[in-house]
């Protein structure tokens, strides 16, 4: 019987910051915003759930204003 990897989808805040090539203070600051990056605390260690972080990043995606003409077509 194999042991389940309960924390398989979680990384530390430092590992998350390294993955997105940011200072660890940046995702910590994001998590402190009203609609910020969700964190889970495991004792005193902040953990990022990768699928949730991906959804959070996708929800922040900006789309171009369709009423504006792009510089290439102007």
PDB file of N, CA and C in Angstrom:
ATOM      1  N   UNK A   1       0.850  -1.183   0.000  1.00  0.00           N
ATOM      2  CA  UNK A   1       0.000   0.000   0.000  1.00  0.00           C
ATOM      3  C   UNK A   1       0.891   1.240   0.000  1.00  0.00           C
ATOM      4  N   UNK A   2       0.632   2.134  -0.913  1.00  0.00           N
ATOM      5  CA  UNK A   2       1.458   3.341  -1.001  1.00  0.00           C
ATOM      6  C   UNK A   2       0.943   4.410  -0.038  1.00  0.00           C
ATOM      7  N   UNK A   3       1.848   5.245   0.399  1.00  0.00           N
ATOM      8  CA  UNK A   3       1.505   6.326   1.311  1.00  0.00           C
ATOM      9  C   UNK A   3       0.984   7.507   0.506  1.00  0.00           C
ATOM     10  N   UNK A   4      -0.188   8.041   0.849  1.00  0.00           N
ATOM     11  CA  UNK A   4      -0.700   9.206   0.117  1.00  0.00           C
ATOM     12  C   UNK A   4       0.174  10.435   0.368  1.00  0.00           C
ATOM     13  N   UNK A   5       0.335  11.224  -0.646  1.00  0.00           N
ATOM     14  CA  UNK A   5       1.123  12.450  -0.529  1.00  0.00           C
ATOM     15  C   UNK A   5       0.153  13.605  -0.295  1.00  0.00           C
ATOM     16  N   UNK A   6      -0.209  13.760   0.960  1.00  0.00           N
ATOM     17  CA  UNK A   6      -1.239  14.713   1.354  1.00  0.00           C
ATOM     18  C   UNK A   6      -0.892  16.148   0.955  1.00  0.00           C
ATOM     19  N   UNK A   7       0.364  16.525   1.060  1.00  0.00           N
ATOM     20  CA  UNK A   7       0.774  17.902   0.761  1.00  0.00           C
ATOM     21  C   UNK A   7       1.377  18.037  -0.638  1.00  0.00           C
ATOM     22  N   UNK A   8       1.068  17.106  -1.504  1.00  0.00           N
ATOM     23  CA  UNK A   8       1.657  17.086  -2.840  1.00  0.00           C
ATOM     24  C   UNK A   8       1.408  18.372  -3.634  1.00  0.00           C
ATOM     25  N   UNK A   9       0.244  18.974  -3.485  1.00  0.00           N
ATOM     26  CA  UNK A   9      -0.111  20.172  -4.249  1.00  0.00           C
ATOM     27  C   UNK A   9       0.242  21.472  -3.533  1.00  0.00           C
ATOM     28  N   UNK A  10       0.980  21.386  -2.440  1.00  0.00           N
ATOM     29  CA  UNK A  10       1.347  22.561  -1.666  1.00  0.00           C
ATOM     30  C   UNK A  10       2.850  22.819  -1.759  1.00  0.00           C
ATOM     31  N   UNK A  11       3.219  24.098  -1.758  1.00  0.00           N
ATOM     32  CA  UNK A  11       4.627  24.499  -1.691  1.00  0.00           C
ATOM     33  C   UNK A  11       4.746  25.612  -0.654  1.00  0.00           C
ATOM     34  N   UNK A  12       5.948  25.794  -0.141  1.00  0.00           N
ATOM     35  CA  UNK A  12       6.164  26.894   0.795  1.00  0.00           C
ATOM     36  C   UNK A  12       6.103  28.213   0.028  1.00  0.00           C
ATOM     37  N   UNK A  13       5.909  29.267   0.758  1.00  0.00           N
ATOM     38  CA  UNK A  13       5.862  30.602   0.154  1.00  0.00           C
ATOM     39  C   UNK A  13       7.177  30.914  -0.557  1.00  0.00           C
ATOM     40  N   UNK A  14       8.286  30.486   0.015  1.00  0.00           N
ATOM     41  CA  UNK A  14       9.602  30.727  -0.596  1.00  0.00           C
ATOM     42  C   UNK A  14       9.744  29.960  -1.915  1.00  0.00           C
ATOM     43  N   UNK A  15       9.284  28.707  -1.935  1.00  0.00           N
ATOM     44  CA  UNK A  15       9.348  27.923  -3.177  1.00  0.00           C
ATOM     45  C   UNK A  15       8.435  28.505  -4.246  1.00  0.00           C
ATOM     46  N   UNK A  16       7.260  28.977  -3.821  1.00  0.00           N
ATOM     47  CA  UNK A  16       6.338  29.617  -4.764  1.00  0.00           C
ATOM     48  C   UNK A  16       6.976  30.869  -5.359  1.00  0.00           C
ATOM     49  N   UNK A  17       7.590  31.685  -4.510  1.00  0.00           N
ATOM     50  CA  UNK A  17       8.241  32.910  -4.968  1.00  0.00           C
ATOM     51  C   UNK A  17       9.367  32.585  -5.952  1.00  0.00           C
ATOM     52  N   UNK A  18      10.129  31.543  -5.662  1.00  0.00           N
ATOM     53  CA  UNK A  18      11.208  31.146  -6.574  1.00  0.00           C
ATOM     54  C   UNK A  18      10.639  30.694  -7.911  1.00  0.00           C
ATOM     55  N   UNK A  19       9.536  29.971  -7.878  1.00  0.00           N
ATOM     56  CA  UNK A  19       8.919  29.481  -9.121  1.00  0.00           C
ATOM     57  C   UNK A  19       8.454  30.631 -10.014  1.00  0.00           C
ATOM     58  N   UNK A  20       7.915  31.683  -9.406  1.00  0.00           N
ATOM     59  CA  UNK A  20       7.431  32.820 -10.203  1.00  0.00           C
ATOM     60  C   UNK A  20       8.484  33.919 -10.330  1.00  0.00           C
ATOM     61  N   UNK A  21       9.695  33.623  -9.858  1.00  0.00           N
ATOM     62  CA  UNK A  21      10.844  34.535  -9.970  1.00  0.00           C
ATOM     63  C   UNK A  21      10.573  35.893  -9.330  1.00  0.00           C
ATOM     64  N   UNK A  22      10.090  35.834  -8.082  1.00  0.00           N
ATOM     65  CA  UNK A  22       9.812  37.041  -7.307  1.00  0.00           C
ATOM     66  C   UNK A  22      10.448  36.910  -5.931  1.00  0.00           C
ATOM     67  N   UNK A  23      10.655  38.039  -5.294  1.00  0.00           N
ATOM     68  CA  UNK A  23      11.123  38.072  -3.920  1.00  0.00           C
ATOM     69  C   UNK A  23      10.039  37.438  -3.041  1.00  0.00           C
ATOM     70  N   UNK A  24      10.394  36.654  -2.029  1.00  0.00           N
ATOM     71  CA  UNK A  24       9.368  36.050  -1.168  1.00  0.00           C
ATOM     72  C   UNK A  24       8.425  37.062  -0.511  1.00  0.00           C
ATOM     73  N   UNK A  25       8.840  38.301  -0.393  1.00  0.00           N
ATOM     74  CA  UNK A  25       7.963  39.321   0.186  1.00  0.00           C
ATOM     75  C   UNK A  25       6.788  39.649  -0.744  1.00  0.00           C
ATOM     76  N   UNK A  26       6.962  39.457  -2.044  1.00  0.00           N
ATOM     77  CA  UNK A  26       5.910  39.809  -3.001  1.00  0.00           C
ATOM     78  C   UNK A  26       4.668  38.940  -2.822  1.00  0.00           C
ATOM     79  N   UNK A  27       4.756  37.601  -2.884  1.00  0.00           N
ATOM     80  CA  UNK A  27       3.530  36.818  -2.667  1.00  0.00           C
ATOM     81  C   UNK A  27       2.974  36.978  -1.246  1.00  0.00           C
ATOM     82  N   UNK A  28       3.830  37.249  -0.280  1.00  0.00           N
ATOM     83  CA  UNK A  28       3.349  37.512   1.086  1.00  0.00           C
ATOM     84  C   UNK A  28       2.493  38.782   1.089  1.00  0.00           C
ATOM     85  N   UNK A  29       2.967  39.810   0.375  1.00  0.00           N
ATOM     86  CA  UNK A  29       2.212  41.064   0.258  1.00  0.00           C
ATOM     87  C   UNK A  29       0.892  40.813  -0.482  1.00  0.00           C
ATOM     88  N   UNK A  30       0.940  39.992  -1.554  1.00  0.00           N
ATOM     89  CA  UNK A  30      -0.287  39.670  -2.290  1.00  0.00           C
ATOM     90  C   UNK A  30      -1.306  39.014  -1.367  1.00  0.00           C
ATOM     91  N   UNK A  31      -0.834  38.154  -0.479  1.00  0.00           N
ATOM     92  CA  UNK A  31      -1.760  37.431   0.405  1.00  0.00           C
ATOM     93  C   UNK A  31      -2.420  38.358   1.413  1.00  0.00           C
ATOM     94  N   UNK A  32      -1.852  39.507   1.669  1.00  0.00           N
ATOM     95  CA  UNK A  32      -2.393  40.443   2.646  1.00  0.00           C
ATOM     96  C   UNK A  32      -3.410  41.404   2.044  1.00  0.00           C
ATOM     97  N   UNK A  33      -3.614  41.359   0.734  1.00  0.00           N
ATOM     98  CA  UNK A  33      -4.596  42.214   0.082  1.00  0.00           C
ATOM     99  C   UNK A  33      -5.998  41.633   0.290  1.00  0.00           C
ATOM    100  N   UNK A  34      -7.047  42.474   0.198  1.00  0.00           N
ATOM    101  CA  UNK A  34      -8.413  41.980   0.439  1.00  0.00           C
ATOM    102  C   UNK A  34      -8.799  40.768  -0.420  1.00  0.00           C
ATOM    103  N   UNK A  35      -8.438  40.768  -1.681  1.00  0.00           N
ATOM    104  CA  UNK A  35      -8.739  39.631  -2.560  1.00  0.00           C
ATOM    105  C   UNK A  35      -7.421  38.967  -2.958  1.00  0.00           C
ATOM    106  N   UNK A  36      -6.577  38.751  -1.982  1.00  0.00           N
ATOM    107  CA  UNK A  36      -5.212  38.327  -2.233  1.00  0.00           C
ATOM    108  C   UNK A  36      -5.020  36.837  -2.436  1.00  0.00           C
ATOM    109  N   UNK A  37      -3.777  36.487  -2.637  1.00  0.00           N
ATOM    110  CA  UNK A  37      -3.356  35.106  -2.832  1.00  0.00           C
ATOM    111  C   UNK A  37      -3.738  34.271  -1.612  1.00  0.00           C
ATOM    112  N   UNK A  38      -4.512  33.210  -1.801  1.00  0.00           N
ATOM    113  CA  UNK A  38      -4.884  32.375  -0.657  1.00  0.00           C
ATOM    114  C   UNK A  38      -3.684  31.595  -0.117  1.00  0.00           C
ATOM    115  N   UNK A  39      -3.541  31.572   1.185  1.00  0.00           N
ATOM    116  CA  UNK A  39      -2.488  30.803   1.844  1.00  0.00           C
ATOM    117  C   UNK A  39      -3.117  29.864   2.852  1.00  0.00           C
ATOM    118  N   UNK A  40      -2.426  28.777   3.108  1.00  0.00           N
ATOM    119  CA  UNK A  40      -2.778  27.858   4.179  1.00  0.00           C
ATOM    120  C   UNK A  40      -1.604  27.842   5.136  1.00  0.00           C
ATOM    121  N   UNK A  41      -1.889  27.928   6.406  1.00  0.00           N
ATOM    122  CA  UNK A  41      -0.811  27.922   7.397  1.00  0.00           C
ATOM    123  C   UNK A  41      -0.686  26.531   7.981  1.00  0.00           C
ATOM    124  N   UNK A  42       0.501  25.988   7.927  1.00  0.00           N
ATOM    125  CA  UNK A  42       0.815  24.709   8.545  1.00  0.00           C
ATOM    126  C   UNK A  42       1.734  25.039   9.714  1.00  0.00           C
ATOM    127  N   UNK A  43       1.129  25.225  10.875  1.00  0.00           N
ATOM    128  CA  UNK A  43       1.879  25.747  12.015  1.00  0.00           C
ATOM    129  C   UNK A  43       2.230  27.199  11.738  1.00  0.00           C
ATOM    130  N   UNK A  44       3.503  27.509  11.710  1.00  0.00           N
ATOM    131  CA  UNK A  44       3.952  28.877  11.414  1.00  0.00           C
ATOM    132  C   UNK A  44       4.421  29.035   9.979  1.00  0.00           C
ATOM    133  N   UNK A  45       4.232  27.993   9.166  1.00  0.00           N
ATOM    134  CA  UNK A  45       4.722  28.009   7.790  1.00  0.00           C
ATOM    135  C   UNK A  45       3.590  28.288   6.809  1.00  0.00           C
ATOM    136  N   UNK A  46       3.654  29.408   6.067  1.00  0.00           N
ATOM    137  CA  UNK A  46       2.633  29.662   5.050  1.00  0.00           C
ATOM    138  C   UNK A  46       2.858  28.748   3.845  1.00  0.00           C
ATOM    139  N   UNK A  47       1.785  28.114   3.392  1.00  0.00           N
ATOM    140  CA  UNK A  47       1.845  27.204   2.262  1.00  0.00           C
ATOM    141  C   UNK A  47       0.898  27.699   1.164  1.00  0.00           C
ATOM    142  N   UNK A  48       1.304  27.499  -0.069  1.00  0.00           N
ATOM    143  CA  UNK A  48       0.506  27.884  -1.223  1.00  0.00           C
ATOM    144  C   UNK A  48      -0.003  26.607  -1.889  1.00  0.00           C
ATOM    145  N   UNK A  49      -1.311  26.536  -2.097  1.00  0.00           N
ATOM    146  CA  UNK A  49      -1.918  25.429  -2.822  1.00  0.00           C
ATOM    147  C   UNK A  49      -1.846  25.783  -4.305  1.00  0.00           C
ATOM    148  N   UNK A  50      -1.047  25.025  -5.042  1.00  0.00           N
ATOM    149  CA  UNK A  50      -0.760  25.376  -6.440  1.00  0.00           C
ATOM    150  C   UNK A  50      -2.027  25.516  -7.295  1.00  0.00           C
ATOM    151  N   UNK A  51      -2.978  24.561  -7.303  1.00  0.00           N
ATOM    152  CA  UNK A  51      -4.177  24.759  -8.137  1.00  0.00           C
ATOM    153  C   UNK A  51      -4.965  26.020  -7.769  1.00  0.00           C
ATOM    154  N   UNK A  52      -5.043  26.339  -6.481  1.00  0.00           N
ATOM    155  CA  UNK A  52      -5.755  27.542  -6.057  1.00  0.00           C
ATOM    156  C   UNK A  52      -5.005  28.796  -6.488  1.00  0.00           C
ATOM    157  N   UNK A  53      -3.684  28.769  -6.386  1.00  0.00           N
ATOM    158  CA  UNK A  53      -2.878  29.918  -6.827  1.00  0.00           C
ATOM    159  C   UNK A  53      -3.022  30.128  -8.329  1.00  0.00           C
ATOM    160  N   UNK A  54      -3.099  29.046  -9.090  1.00  0.00           N
ATOM    161  CA  UNK A  54      -3.297  29.172 -10.536  1.00  0.00           C
ATOM    162  C   UNK A  54      -4.644  29.818 -10.840  1.00  0.00           C
ATOM    163  N   UNK A  55      -5.696  29.389 -10.134  1.00  0.00           N
ATOM    164  CA  UNK A  55      -7.014  29.998 -10.321  1.00  0.00           C
ATOM    165  C   UNK A  55      -6.991  31.470  -9.943  1.00  0.00           C
ATOM    166  N   UNK A  56      -6.309  31.793  -8.851  1.00  0.00           N
ATOM    167  CA  UNK A  56      -6.217  33.183  -8.399  1.00  0.00           C
ATOM    168  C   UNK A  56      -5.514  34.040  -9.452  1.00  0.00           C
ATOM    169  N   UNK A  57      -4.413  33.527  -9.999  1.00  0.00           N
ATOM    170  CA  UNK A  57      -3.690  34.277 -11.032  1.00  0.00           C
ATOM    171  C   UNK A  57      -4.547  34.452 -12.286  1.00  0.00           C
ATOM    172  N   UNK A  58      -5.244  33.400 -12.690  1.00  0.00           N
ATOM    173  CA  UNK A  58      -6.113  33.500 -13.867  1.00  0.00           C
ATOM    174  C   UNK A  58      -7.237  34.503 -13.651  1.00  0.00           C
ATOM    175  N   UNK A  59      -7.759  34.583 -12.434  1.00  0.00           N
ATOM    176  CA  UNK A  59      -8.848  35.520 -12.156  1.00  0.00           C
ATOM    177  C   UNK A  59      -8.378  36.977 -12.238  1.00  0.00           C
ATOM    178  N   UNK A  60      -7.082  37.193 -12.131  1.00  0.00           N
ATOM    179  CA  UNK A  60      -6.528  38.546 -12.182  1.00  0.00           C
ATOM    180  C   UNK A  60      -6.091  38.945 -13.591  1.00  0.00           C
ATOM    181  N   UNK A  61      -6.310  38.063 -14.552  1.00  0.00           N
ATOM    182  CA  UNK A  61      -5.889  38.338 -15.926  1.00  0.00           C
ATOM    183  C   UNK A  61      -6.703  39.499 -16.492  1.00  0.00           C
ATOM    184  N   UNK A  62      -6.006  40.418 -17.097  1.00  0.00           N
ATOM    185  CA  UNK A  62      -6.671  41.573 -17.698  1.00  0.00           C
ATOM    186  C   UNK A  62      -6.850  41.313 -19.191  1.00  0.00           C
ATOM    187  N   UNK A  63      -7.975  41.766 -19.679  1.00  0.00           N
ATOM    188  CA  UNK A  63      -8.265  41.600 -21.096  1.00  0.00           C
ATOM    189  C   UNK A  63      -8.294  42.983 -21.739  1.00  0.00           C
ATOM    190  N   UNK A  64      -7.865  43.073 -22.994  1.00  0.00           N
ATOM    191  CA  UNK A  64      -7.869  44.380 -23.650  1.00  0.00           C
ATOM    192  C   UNK A  64      -9.288  44.918 -23.816  1.00  0.00           C
ATOM    193  N   UNK A  65      -9.379  46.219 -23.796  1.00  0.00           N
ATOM    194  CA  UNK A  65     -10.657  46.885 -24.004  1.00  0.00           C
ATOM    195  C   UNK A  65     -11.014  46.758 -25.489  1.00  0.00           C
ATOM    196  N   UNK A  66     -12.119  46.099 -25.842  1.00  0.00           N
ATOM    197  CA  UNK A  66     -12.454  45.899 -27.256  1.00  0.00           C
ATOM    198  C   UNK A  66     -12.806  47.194 -27.991  1.00  0.00           C
ATOM    199  N   UNK A  67     -13.144  48.246 -27.250  1.00  0.00           N
ATOM    200  CA  UNK A  67     -13.497  49.511 -27.904  1.00  0.00           C
ATOM    201  C   UNK A  67     -12.265  50.308 -28.315  1.00  0.00           C
ATOM    202  N   UNK A  68     -11.130  49.974 -27.764  1.00  0.00           N
ATOM    203  CA  UNK A  68      -9.904  50.685 -28.126  1.00  0.00           C
ATOM    204  C   UNK A  68      -9.250  50.030 -29.330  1.00  0.00           C
ATOM    205  N   UNK A  69      -8.737  50.843 -30.195  1.00  0.00           N
ATOM    206  CA  UNK A  69      -7.989  50.313 -31.328  1.00  0.00           C
ATOM    207  C   UNK A  69      -6.570  50.056 -30.874  1.00  0.00           C
ATOM    208  N   UNK A  70      -6.009  48.981 -31.334  1.00  0.00           N
ATOM    209  CA  UNK A  70      -4.628  48.695 -30.975  1.00  0.00           C
ATOM    210  C   UNK A  70      -3.701  49.635 -31.766  1.00  0.00           C
ATOM    211  N   UNK A  71      -2.506  49.829 -31.284  1.00  0.00           N
ATOM    212  CA  UNK A  71      -1.548  50.709 -31.938  1.00  0.00           C
ATOM    213  C   UNK A  71      -1.189  50.190 -33.330  1.00  0.00           C
ATOM    214  N   UNK A  72      -1.227  48.880 -33.510  1.00  0.00           N
ATOM    215  CA  UNK A  72      -0.878  48.286 -34.804  1.00  0.00           C
ATOM    216  C   UNK A  72      -1.945  48.583 -35.855  1.00  0.00           C
ATOM    217  N   UNK A  73      -3.224  48.666 -35.456  1.00  0.00           N
ATOM    218  CA  UNK A  73      -4.280  48.896 -36.440  1.00  0.00           C
ATOM    219  C   UNK A  73      -4.593  50.371 -36.621  1.00  0.00           C
ATOM    220  N   UNK A  74      -4.018  51.225 -35.812  1.00  0.00           N
ATOM    221  CA  UNK A  74      -4.301  52.667 -35.901  1.00  0.00           C
ATOM    222  C   UNK A  74      -3.499  53.329 -36.999  1.00  0.00           C
TER     223      UNK A  74
END
